[in-house]
Amino acid sequence: MSTPYLCPNCKTNRSRFNIIEQHVKSVKLNPQTGDLVEELEQASLDPFHVAYKGPQYKVQCGVCGLIEDELSFIKRAQLKQ
């Protein structure tokens, strides 16, 4: 997060952002009720459960509200330098 950002949507905001940290919680739910059956550890997922491979952070523009991957904001800032 020590890189400049620029909103890819409104293209003017360079200073007001919300950083959203994503904390993964793998769970197994009851298919009929939706109740939590089991909370799974990332190290011991069963063969039918794919581990989360998404970004650690999402960024929301504090002006227009767009939520995207952090890389989108970084790349837009690099293009406009």
Protein backbone atom coordinates (compact mmCIF):
# COMPACT_ATOMS: atom_id res chain seq x y z
CA MET A 1 0.00 0.00 0.00
CA SER A 2 2.92 2.38 -0.38
CA THR A 3 2.15 2.88 -4.06
CA PRO A 4 0.09 5.71 -5.57
CA TYR A 5 -3.52 4.93 -6.46
CA LEU A 6 -5.81 6.48 -9.05
CA CYS A 7 -9.46 5.47 -9.38
CA PRO A 8 -10.01 3.67 -12.71
CA ASN A 9 -13.64 4.83 -12.75
CA CYS A 10 -13.76 8.52 -11.84
CA LYS A 11 -10.10 9.07 -12.89
CA THR A 12 -9.62 12.06 -10.55
CA ASN A 13 -9.35 10.61 -7.03
CA ARG A 14 -5.77 10.07 -5.89
CA SER A 15 -6.17 10.48 -2.13
CA ARG A 16 -9.44 9.11 -0.65
CA PHE A 17 -9.75 5.34 -0.49
CA ASN A 18 -11.06 2.57 1.74
CA ILE A 19 -8.72 -0.42 2.05
CA ILE A 20 -10.69 -3.64 2.51
CA GLU A 21 -8.75 -6.55 4.00
CA GLN A 22 -10.10 -9.94 3.02
CA HIS A 23 -9.96 -12.70 5.64
CA VAL A 24 -10.82 -16.10 4.22
CA LYS A 25 -12.96 -18.48 6.22
CA SER A 26 -13.56 -21.83 4.54
CA VAL A 27 -16.78 -23.48 5.68
CA LYS A 28 -19.00 -26.43 4.93
CA LEU A 29 -22.74 -25.69 5.03
CA ASN A 30 -25.79 -27.91 5.30
CA PRO A 31 -27.32 -27.78 1.77
CA GLN A 32 -30.94 -27.83 3.03
CA THR A 33 -30.76 -25.35 5.91
CA GLY A 34 -27.62 -23.33 5.21
CA ASP A 35 -26.41 -23.95 8.77
CA LEU A 36 -22.69 -24.14 9.43
CA VAL A 37 -21.62 -27.78 9.62
CA GLU A 38 -17.85 -27.35 9.80
CA GLU A 39 -15.22 -24.62 9.65
CA LEU A 40 -12.25 -25.87 7.62
CA GLU A 41 -8.57 -24.99 8.05
CA GLN A 42 -6.78 -23.80 4.90
CA ALA A 43 -4.06 -26.43 5.41
CA SER A 44 -6.51 -29.33 5.60
CA LEU A 45 -9.13 -28.70 2.92
CA ASP A 46 -10.71 -31.81 1.44
CA PRO A 47 -10.06 -32.65 -2.24
CA PHE A 48 -13.39 -31.15 -3.35
CA HIS A 49 -12.79 -27.75 -1.72
CA VAL A 50 -10.67 -25.30 -3.72
CA ALA A 51 -8.52 -22.95 -1.65
CA TYR A 52 -9.09 -19.20 -2.04
CA LYS A 53 -6.60 -17.66 -4.45
CA GLY A 54 -7.95 -14.12 -4.66
CA PRO A 55 -6.34 -10.83 -3.63
CA GLN A 56 -5.58 -10.01 0.01
CA TYR A 57 -6.87 -6.46 -0.42
CA LYS A 58 -9.70 -4.76 -2.26
CA VAL A 59 -9.85 -0.98 -2.59
CA GLN A 60 -12.92 1.25 -2.63
CA CYS A 61 -12.75 4.73 -4.11
CA GLY A 62 -13.75 7.26 -1.47
CA VAL A 63 -15.29 9.52 -4.14
CA CYS A 64 -17.34 7.32 -6.50
CA GLY A 65 -17.56 4.10 -4.43
CA LEU A 66 -16.01 1.71 -6.99
CA ILE A 67 -14.62 -1.49 -5.41
CA GLU A 68 -11.86 -3.28 -7.36
CA ASP A 69 -8.66 -5.22 -6.81
CA GLU A 70 -5.83 -3.09 -5.49
CA LEU A 71 -3.86 -3.74 -8.69
CA SER A 72 -6.48 -1.89 -10.80
CA PHE A 73 -5.91 1.31 -8.82
CA ILE A 74 -2.13 0.92 -8.94
CA LYS A 75 -2.02 0.28 -12.69
CA ARG A 76 -4.28 3.29 -13.42
CA ALA A 77 -1.93 5.53 -11.40
CA GLN A 78 1.11 4.19 -13.28
CA LEU A 79 -0.52 4.95 -16.65
CA LYS A 80 -1.24 8.59 -15.67
CA GLN A 81 2.21 9.52 -14.31
